[in-house]
N, C-alpha and C. Protein backbone atom coordinates (compact mmCIF):
# COMPACT_ATOMS: atom_id res chain seq x y z
N UNK A 1 -8.24 6.68 14.61
CA UNK A 1 -6.47 6.35 15.13
C UNK A 1 -6.06 6.08 14.06
N UNK A 2 -4.92 7.20 14.47
CA UNK A 2 -3.72 7.28 13.42
C UNK A 2 -2.20 6.76 13.94
N UNK A 3 -1.73 5.80 13.40
CA UNK A 3 0.04 5.85 13.98
C UNK A 3 1.25 6.81 13.59
N UNK A 4 1.06 7.23 13.99
CA UNK A 4 2.42 8.27 13.56
C UNK A 4 3.56 7.59 13.80
N UNK A 5 4.85 7.27 12.78
CA UNK A 5 5.73 6.42 12.70
C UNK A 5 7.02 7.47 12.21
N UNK A 6 7.93 7.85 12.42
CA UNK A 6 9.06 8.65 11.90
C UNK A 6 10.04 7.55 11.49
N UNK A 7 10.71 7.74 10.49
CA UNK A 7 12.13 6.64 9.74
C UNK A 7 12.61 7.53 9.68
N UNK A 8 13.95 7.68 9.59
CA UNK A 8 15.16 8.45 9.12
C UNK A 8 15.87 7.83 7.90
N UNK A 9 15.83 6.06 7.57
CA UNK A 9 16.12 6.27 6.58
C UNK A 9 15.39 4.90 5.81
N UNK A 10 15.79 4.34 4.68
CA UNK A 10 15.19 3.84 3.55
C UNK A 10 14.96 2.01 4.61
N UNK A 11 16.25 2.19 5.02
CA UNK A 11 16.73 1.05 5.71
C UNK A 11 15.60 0.60 6.62
N UNK A 12 14.97 1.57 7.52
CA UNK A 12 13.69 1.52 8.29
C UNK A 12 12.65 1.35 7.41
N UNK A 13 12.38 2.38 6.66
CA UNK A 13 11.33 2.08 5.66
C UNK A 13 11.06 0.25 5.25
N UNK A 14 11.75 0.50 4.82
CA UNK A 14 11.82 -1.23 4.25
C UNK A 14 11.83 -2.13 5.50
N UNK A 15 12.58 -1.62 6.62
CA UNK A 15 11.83 -2.88 8.04
C UNK A 15 10.51 -2.79 8.55
N UNK A 16 9.66 -1.44 8.34
CA UNK A 16 8.14 -1.38 8.45
C UNK A 16 7.43 -1.99 7.54
N UNK A 17 8.28 -1.77 6.28
CA UNK A 17 6.43 -1.99 4.97
C UNK A 17 6.98 -3.61 5.43
N UNK A 18 8.42 -3.92 5.93
CA UNK A 18 8.72 -6.08 6.03
C UNK A 18 7.74 -6.74 6.99
N UNK A 19 8.06 -5.60 7.86
CA UNK A 19 6.63 -6.28 9.46
C UNK A 19 5.65 -5.68 8.67
N UNK A 20 4.98 -4.92 8.45
CA UNK A 20 3.39 -5.13 7.66
C UNK A 20 3.44 -6.12 7.03
N UNK A 21 3.52 -6.53 5.91
CA UNK A 21 3.60 -7.63 5.48
C UNK A 21 3.02 -9.03 5.88
N UNK A 22 4.14 -9.09 7.04
CA UNK A 22 3.94 -10.37 7.77
C UNK A 22 2.58 -10.57 8.27
N UNK A 23 1.53 -8.98 8.73
CA UNK A 23 0.05 -9.15 9.17
C UNK A 23 -0.97 -9.20 8.26
N UNK A 24 -0.21 -8.92 6.66
CA UNK A 24 -0.89 -8.81 5.36
C UNK A 24 -1.87 -10.47 5.44
N UNK A 25 -2.89 -10.22 4.64
CA UNK A 25 -3.65 -11.36 4.31
C UNK A 25 -4.86 -11.27 3.28
N UNK A 26 -4.91 -11.85 1.97
CA UNK A 26 -5.84 -11.49 1.10
C UNK A 26 -7.49 -11.93 2.11
N UNK A 27 -8.22 -10.60 1.43
CA UNK A 27 -8.11 -9.89 0.80
C UNK A 27 -8.08 -8.13 1.14
N UNK A 28 -6.87 -8.39 2.05
CA UNK A 28 -6.71 -7.11 2.31
C UNK A 28 -6.18 -5.79 1.57
N UNK A 29 -6.89 -4.66 1.83
CA UNK A 29 -6.65 -3.42 0.74
C UNK A 29 -5.77 -2.38 1.83
N UNK A 30 -4.55 -1.74 0.95
CA UNK A 30 -3.74 -0.34 1.60
C UNK A 30 -3.64 0.31 0.47
N UNK A 31 -3.93 1.58 1.15
CA UNK A 31 -3.58 2.77 0.27
C UNK A 31 -2.67 3.27 0.50
N UNK A 32 -2.09 3.78 -0.52
CA UNK A 32 -0.53 4.51 -0.44
C UNK A 32 -0.98 6.02 -0.43
N UNK A 33 -1.01 7.13 -0.14
CA UNK A 33 -0.71 8.44 -0.64
C UNK A 33 0.08 9.01 -0.08
N UNK A 34 0.89 9.93 -0.77
CA UNK A 34 1.82 10.94 -0.56
C UNK A 34 2.42 12.01 -1.79
N UNK A 35 3.18 12.67 -1.73
CA UNK A 35 3.90 13.30 -2.74
C UNK A 35 4.63 12.67 -3.56
N UNK A 36 4.75 12.60 -5.20
CA UNK A 36 5.91 12.72 -5.76
C UNK A 36 7.00 12.17 -5.32
N UNK A 37 7.83 11.23 -5.34
CA UNK A 37 8.82 10.81 -4.83
C UNK A 37 8.96 10.95 -3.05
N UNK A 38 7.60 10.94 -2.26
CA UNK A 38 7.66 10.29 -0.88
C UNK A 38 7.71 9.20 -0.25
N UNK A 39 7.92 8.05 -1.24
CA UNK A 39 8.67 6.79 -1.19
C UNK A 39 7.06 5.82 -1.24
N UNK A 40 6.40 5.96 -2.39
CA UNK A 40 5.53 4.93 -1.88
C UNK A 40 5.43 3.55 -2.85
N UNK A 41 6.52 4.01 -4.06
CA UNK A 41 6.79 2.16 -4.70
C UNK A 41 7.99 2.08 -3.90
N UNK A 42 8.96 2.48 -3.19
CA UNK A 42 9.95 2.00 -2.76
C UNK A 42 9.36 1.25 -1.03
N UNK A 43 8.17 1.79 -0.68
CA UNK A 43 7.29 0.63 0.52
C UNK A 43 6.94 0.25 -0.20
N UNK A 44 6.45 0.13 -1.55
CA UNK A 44 5.53 -1.15 -2.06
C UNK A 44 6.81 -2.14 -2.39
N UNK A 45 7.79 -1.99 -2.45
CA UNK A 45 8.71 -2.80 -2.83
C UNK A 45 9.09 -3.47 -1.67
N UNK A 46 8.98 -3.56 -0.56
CA UNK A 46 9.59 -3.53 0.58
C UNK A 46 8.51 -4.23 0.71
N UNK A 47 7.13 -4.21 0.63
CA UNK A 47 6.28 -4.71 1.15
C UNK A 47 6.23 -5.96 0.28
N UNK A 48 6.23 -5.97 -1.12
CA UNK A 48 6.49 -7.40 -1.52
C UNK A 48 6.95 -8.08 -1.49
N UNK A 49 8.53 -7.77 -1.16
CA UNK A 49 9.91 -8.40 -0.61
C UNK A 49 9.18 -9.36 0.93
N UNK A 50 8.53 -8.32 1.62
CA UNK A 50 7.85 -9.30 2.58
C UNK A 50 7.32 -10.33 2.45
N UNK A 51 6.34 -10.37 1.28
CA UNK A 51 5.22 -11.14 0.46
C UNK A 51 5.80 -12.54 -0.01
N UNK A 52 7.36 -12.31 -0.22
CA UNK A 52 8.06 -13.36 -0.79
C UNK A 52 8.36 -12.93 -2.64
N UNK A 53 7.65 -11.91 -2.47
CA UNK A 53 8.05 -11.63 -4.09
C UNK A 53 9.24 -11.42 -4.77
N UNK A 54 9.55 -12.20 -5.45
CA UNK A 54 11.42 -12.31 -6.21
C UNK A 54 11.16 -11.35 -7.35
N UNK A 55 10.68 -10.82 -8.28
CA UNK A 55 10.42 -10.07 -9.39
C UNK A 55 10.03 -8.74 -8.50
N UNK A 56 11.29 -8.01 -9.39
CA UNK A 56 11.53 -6.65 -9.61
C UNK A 56 10.37 -6.01 -9.45
N UNK A 57 9.56 -4.75 -8.84
CA UNK A 57 8.47 -4.29 -8.60
C UNK A 57 8.81 -3.13 -8.74
N UNK A 58 7.69 -2.58 -10.04
CA UNK A 58 7.93 -1.28 -10.44
C UNK A 58 6.36 -0.54 -10.51
N UNK A 59 6.61 0.87 -10.30
CA UNK A 59 5.04 1.68 -10.50
C UNK A 59 4.62 1.24 -11.92
N UNK A 60 3.18 1.33 -11.57
CA UNK A 60 2.20 0.81 -13.09
C UNK A 60 1.71 1.76 -13.40
N UNK A 61 2.45 2.88 -12.91
CA UNK A 61 2.02 4.10 -14.16
C UNK A 61 0.81 3.98 -15.36
N UNK A 62 1.90 3.09 -16.16
CA UNK A 62 1.39 3.44 -17.27
C UNK A 62 0.23 2.09 -17.54
N UNK A 63 0.52 1.04 -16.99
CA UNK A 63 -0.57 -0.21 -17.63
C UNK A 63 -1.47 -0.17 -16.06
N UNK A 64 -1.66 1.07 -15.10
CA UNK A 64 -2.36 0.63 -13.89
C UNK A 64 -2.62 -0.16 -12.81
N UNK A 65 -2.15 -1.45 -13.43
CA UNK A 65 -2.00 -2.78 -12.39
C UNK A 65 -0.80 -3.80 -12.72
N UNK A 66 -0.23 -4.28 -12.09
CA UNK A 66 0.61 -4.98 -12.16
C UNK A 66 0.48 -6.27 -10.90
N UNK A 67 0.37 -7.23 -11.23
CA UNK A 67 0.10 -8.58 -10.65
C UNK A 67 1.38 -8.98 -10.48
N UNK A 68 1.88 -9.66 -9.11
CA UNK A 68 2.26 -10.55 -8.55
C UNK A 68 2.43 -11.89 -8.00
N UNK A 69 3.65 -12.41 -7.93
CA UNK A 69 3.19 -14.19 -7.07
C UNK A 69 3.63 -14.16 -5.84
N UNK A 70 3.78 -14.25 -4.33
CA UNK A 70 4.25 -14.31 -3.93
C UNK A 70 3.85 -15.25 -2.83
N UNK A 71 4.35 -15.58 -1.72
CA UNK A 71 3.04 -15.88 -0.06
C UNK A 71 2.09 -15.95 -0.74
N UNK A 72 1.46 -14.67 -0.99
CA UNK A 72 0.19 -14.19 -1.61
C UNK A 72 0.59 -13.69 -2.58
N UNK A 73 -0.69 -13.84 -3.67
CA UNK A 73 -0.57 -12.60 -4.92
C UNK A 73 -0.62 -11.48 -4.17
N UNK A 74 -0.27 -10.69 -5.19
CA UNK A 74 -0.21 -9.28 -4.68
C UNK A 74 -0.61 -8.63 -6.23
N UNK A 75 -1.73 -7.03 -6.12
CA UNK A 75 -1.79 -6.69 -6.70
C UNK A 75 -1.58 -4.91 -5.98
N UNK A 76 -0.55 -4.51 -7.78
CA UNK A 76 -0.39 -3.16 -7.12
C UNK A 76 -0.59 -2.30 -8.21
N UNK A 77 -1.65 -1.56 -8.05
CA UNK A 77 -2.26 -0.34 -8.34
C UNK A 77 -1.58 1.06 -8.34
N UNK A 78 -1.66 1.80 -9.64
CA UNK A 78 -1.45 3.12 -9.65
C UNK A 78 -2.47 3.72 -10.44
N UNK A 79 -3.28 4.36 -9.47
CA UNK A 79 -4.71 4.91 -10.65
C UNK A 79 -4.85 6.53 -10.59
N UNK A 80 -3.27 6.86 -10.42
CA UNK A 80 -3.21 8.57 -10.66
C UNK A 80 -3.51 8.47 -12.66
N UNK A 81 -3.68 7.45 -13.14
CA UNK A 81 -4.37 8.42 -14.71
C UNK A 81 -5.39 8.39 -15.07
N UNK A 82 -6.40 7.64 -13.70
CA UNK A 82 -7.65 7.42 -13.70
C UNK A 82 -9.16 8.52 -13.39
N UNK A 83 -7.89 9.42 -12.94
CA UNK A 83 -8.46 10.96 -11.91
C UNK A 83 -9.80 11.27 -12.76
N UNK A 84 -10.32 11.18 -13.79
CA UNK A 84 -11.18 11.92 -14.48
C UNK A 84 -11.92 10.36 -15.33
N UNK A 85 -11.67 9.83 -15.30
CA UNK A 85 -12.46 8.47 -15.51
C UNK A 85 -13.47 7.99 -14.80
N UNK A 86 -14.40 6.97 -15.65
CA UNK A 86 -15.50 6.37 -15.23
C UNK A 86 -15.70 5.09 -15.28
N UNK A 87 -13.81 4.83 -15.65
CA UNK A 87 -13.79 3.01 -15.77
C UNK A 87 -13.84 2.21 -14.84
N UNK A 88 -14.75 1.26 -15.09
CA UNK A 88 -14.81 0.10 -14.20
C UNK A 88 -13.76 -0.89 -14.23
N UNK A 89 -12.66 -1.22 -13.70
CA UNK A 89 -11.64 -1.80 -13.96
C UNK A 89 -11.94 -3.71 -13.42
N UNK A 90 -13.43 -3.37 -13.07
CA UNK A 90 -13.45 -5.25 -12.19
C UNK A 90 -13.39 -4.98 -10.83
N UNK A 91 -13.00 -3.87 -10.04
CA UNK A 91 -12.58 -3.56 -8.81
C UNK A 91 -13.16 -4.76 -7.89
N UNK A 92 -14.23 -5.57 -7.76
CA UNK A 92 -14.74 -6.19 -6.83
C UNK A 92 -13.89 -7.31 -6.96
N UNK A 93 -13.42 -7.53 -8.14
CA UNK A 93 -12.67 -9.06 -8.39
C UNK A 93 -11.10 -8.86 -7.43
N UNK A 94 -10.79 -7.44 -8.05
CA UNK A 94 -9.22 -6.99 -7.29
C UNK A 94 -9.70 -7.11 -5.62
N UNK A 95 -10.24 -6.64 -5.03
CA UNK A 95 -10.23 -6.40 -3.86
C UNK A 95 -11.07 -7.10 -2.82
N UNK A 96 -11.73 -7.83 -3.63
CA UNK A 96 -12.20 -8.89 -2.83
C UNK A 96 -12.06 -10.46 -2.92
N UNK A 97 -11.01 -10.27 -4.10
CA UNK A 97 -10.73 -11.58 -4.50
C UNK A 97 -9.71 -12.51 -3.58
N UNK A 98 -8.94 -13.04 -3.94
CA UNK A 98 -7.71 -14.08 -3.24
C UNK A 98 -6.53 -13.03 -3.39
N UNK A 99 -5.99 -12.20 -3.37
CA UNK A 99 -4.79 -11.04 -3.27
C UNK A 99 -4.70 -10.09 -2.46
N UNK A 100 -3.72 -9.59 -2.57
CA UNK A 100 -3.33 -8.45 -1.06
C UNK A 100 -3.69 -7.36 -2.13
N UNK A 101 -3.70 -6.20 -1.80
CA UNK A 101 -3.92 -5.15 -3.05
C UNK A 101 -3.26 -3.85 -2.28
N UNK A 102 -2.45 -2.92 -3.16
CA UNK A 102 -1.61 -1.77 -2.65
C UNK A 102 -2.19 -0.62 -3.47
N UNK A 103 -2.88 0.37 -3.62
CA UNK A 103 -3.34 0.84 -4.18
C UNK A 103 -2.79 3.04 -3.96
N UNK A 104 -1.98 3.15 -4.90
CA UNK A 104 -1.44 4.16 -4.89
C UNK A 104 -2.80 5.14 -5.27
N UNK A 105 -2.61 6.35 -5.28
CA UNK A 105 -3.32 7.31 -5.74
C UNK A 105 -4.82 6.99 -5.27
N UNK A 106 -5.20 6.39 -4.36
CA UNK A 106 -6.59 6.09 -4.46
C UNK A 106 -7.65 6.78 -3.67
N UNK A 107 -7.26 7.72 -3.77
CA UNK A 107 -8.28 8.74 -3.77
C UNK A 107 -9.29 9.15 -5.28
N UNK A 108 -8.24 8.61 -6.11
CA UNK A 108 -9.27 9.25 -7.30
C UNK A 108 -10.41 7.42 -7.83
N UNK A 109 -10.36 6.76 -6.74
CA UNK A 109 -11.41 5.54 -7.10
C UNK A 109 -12.14 5.35 -5.54
N UNK A 110 -12.14 6.38 -4.46
CA UNK A 110 -12.10 6.51 -3.00
C UNK A 110 -13.62 5.47 -3.45
N UNK A 111 -14.68 5.62 -3.91
CA UNK A 111 -15.96 5.19 -3.85
C UNK A 111 -16.02 3.38 -4.62
N UNK A 112 -14.96 2.93 -5.16
CA UNK A 112 -14.80 2.22 -5.78
C UNK A 112 -14.43 0.84 -4.84
N UNK A 113 -13.67 1.44 -3.53
CA UNK A 113 -12.84 1.07 -2.55
C UNK A 113 -13.30 0.04 -1.18
N UNK A 114 -12.70 -1.26 -0.92
CA UNK A 114 -13.84 -1.58 0.17
C UNK A 114 -14.10 -0.20 1.54
N UNK A 115 -14.89 -0.64 2.27
CA UNK A 115 -14.52 0.55 3.59
C UNK A 115 -13.79 0.40 4.35
N UNK A 116 -13.35 -0.96 4.58
CA UNK A 116 -12.09 -1.58 5.80
C UNK A 116 -10.68 -1.55 4.71
N UNK A 117 -10.19 -0.62 5.03
CA UNK A 117 -8.70 -0.53 4.36
C UNK A 117 -7.56 0.43 5.95
N UNK A 118 -6.80 -0.43 4.85
CA UNK A 118 -5.52 0.94 5.60
C UNK A 118 -4.48 1.85 5.21
N UNK A 119 -5.18 3.10 5.25
CA UNK A 119 -4.87 3.86 4.50
C UNK A 119 -3.56 4.88 5.46
N UNK A 120 -2.32 4.40 4.35
CA UNK A 120 -0.67 4.64 4.82
C UNK A 120 -0.65 6.78 4.00
N UNK A 121 -0.16 7.28 4.91
CA UNK A 121 0.51 8.61 4.12
C UNK A 121 1.71 8.42 4.35
N UNK A 122 2.51 8.56 3.18
CA UNK A 122 3.85 9.07 3.67
C UNK A 122 4.39 10.30 3.24
N UNK A 123 4.77 11.34 4.09
CA UNK A 123 5.43 12.63 4.23
C UNK A 123 6.61 12.37 4.45
N UNK A 124 7.54 13.55 3.42
CA UNK A 124 8.52 13.71 3.36
C UNK A 124 9.12 14.39 4.61
N UNK A 125 10.20 14.41 5.07
CA UNK A 125 10.10 15.58 6.17
C UNK A 125 12.17 15.54 5.89
N UNK A 126 12.88 15.17 4.89
CA UNK A 126 13.83 15.34 4.74
C UNK A 126 14.56 14.48 3.77
N UNK A 127 16.08 14.60 2.97
CA UNK A 127 16.66 13.41 2.09
C UNK A 127 15.99 12.20 2.21
N UNK A 128 15.85 11.04 3.57
CA UNK A 128 15.26 9.94 3.51
C UNK A 128 14.54 9.81 4.49
N UNK A 129 14.58 10.74 5.38
CA UNK A 129 13.58 10.92 6.53
C UNK A 129 12.12 11.05 6.18
N UNK A 130 11.30 10.15 7.04
CA UNK A 130 9.99 9.94 6.58
C UNK A 130 8.87 10.01 7.55
N UNK A 131 7.62 10.91 7.33
CA UNK A 131 6.49 10.39 8.91
C UNK A 131 5.80 9.72 7.51
N UNK A 132 5.71 8.36 8.55
CA UNK A 132 4.43 7.27 7.72
C UNK A 132 3.48 7.25 9.02
N UNK A 133 2.12 7.80 8.31
CA UNK A 133 0.89 7.58 8.96
C UNK A 133 -0.10 6.90 8.74
N UNK A 134 -0.13 5.66 9.53
CA UNK A 134 -1.17 4.82 8.93
C UNK A 134 -2.54 4.64 10.11
N UNK A 135 -3.24 4.37 9.03
CA UNK A 135 -4.71 5.14 9.60
C UNK A 135 -5.93 3.74 8.81
N UNK A 136 -6.25 2.77 10.25
CA UNK A 136 -6.75 1.79 9.59
C UNK A 136 -8.61 2.13 9.89
N UNK A 137 -8.87 1.31 8.90
CA UNK A 137 -10.78 1.83 9.17
C UNK A 137 -11.34 0.05 9.23
N UNK A 138 -11.78 -0.31 10.13
CA UNK A 138 -11.90 -1.61 10.65
C UNK A 138 -11.42 -2.20 11.67
N UNK A 139 -11.87 -3.23 12.70
CA UNK A 139 -11.31 -3.84 13.45
C UNK A 139 -9.87 -4.88 13.20
N UNK A 140 -9.91 -5.26 11.85
CA UNK A 140 -8.70 -5.81 11.24
C UNK A 140 -7.68 -5.35 11.40
N UNK A 141 -7.88 -4.10 10.34
CA UNK A 141 -6.90 -3.27 10.19
C UNK A 141 -6.00 -2.51 11.45
N UNK A 142 -7.21 -2.08 12.82
CA UNK A 142 -6.86 -1.44 14.08
C UNK A 142 -5.79 -2.17 14.52
N UNK A 143 -6.26 -3.99 14.48
CA UNK A 143 -5.14 -4.49 15.20
C UNK A 143 -4.07 -5.21 14.05
N UNK A 144 -3.86 -4.91 13.09
CA UNK A 144 -2.54 -4.90 12.41
C UNK A 144 -2.13 -3.95 12.91
N UNK A 145 -2.46 -2.58 12.91
CA UNK A 145 -1.50 -1.02 13.58
C UNK A 145 -1.21 -1.51 15.01
N UNK A 146 -2.08 -1.93 15.96
CA UNK A 146 -1.56 -2.05 17.16
C UNK A 146 -0.15 -3.06 17.14
N UNK A 147 -0.11 -4.06 16.03
CA UNK A 147 0.88 -4.78 15.66
C UNK A 147 2.41 -4.46 15.84
N UNK A 148 2.17 -3.03 15.17
CA UNK A 148 3.72 -3.06 14.20
C UNK A 148 3.91 -2.50 15.49
N UNK A 149 5.30 -2.49 15.75
CA UNK A 149 6.44 -1.88 16.65
C UNK A 149 7.07 -0.92 16.43
N UNK A 150 7.40 -0.90 15.53
CA UNK A 150 7.79 0.58 14.65
C UNK A 150 7.84 1.69 15.53
């Protein structure tokens, strides 16, 4: 099941991410896919806001992971730099711990990801328009997708 949502503004993208945030709980894992500039970091910022994170959220491109405190702890990972790496950064503690994890460029650590997760693909269709595809794996994430009303 893939749920496609078309948004025409940053405000609609933000609304969707904040709605999703209210449905997540640890140790949920959400992967984000999309070209550079598609809106992965914008989506993550809105999701973090929905989780009560007050700090400024920025892409962890050079640090690989940033952690934030909110209603639940949030791990924000950008694993783009691990494309050719065999490095284990303690994935089990990250993905099965007490935090929600958002992973950009997840295809580079596919074998380390939990089987059950929510994959989100963001495709730019205009200046501010996007198609956002939600692909749940597992009954928990299917229920989350069904609860999203946008």
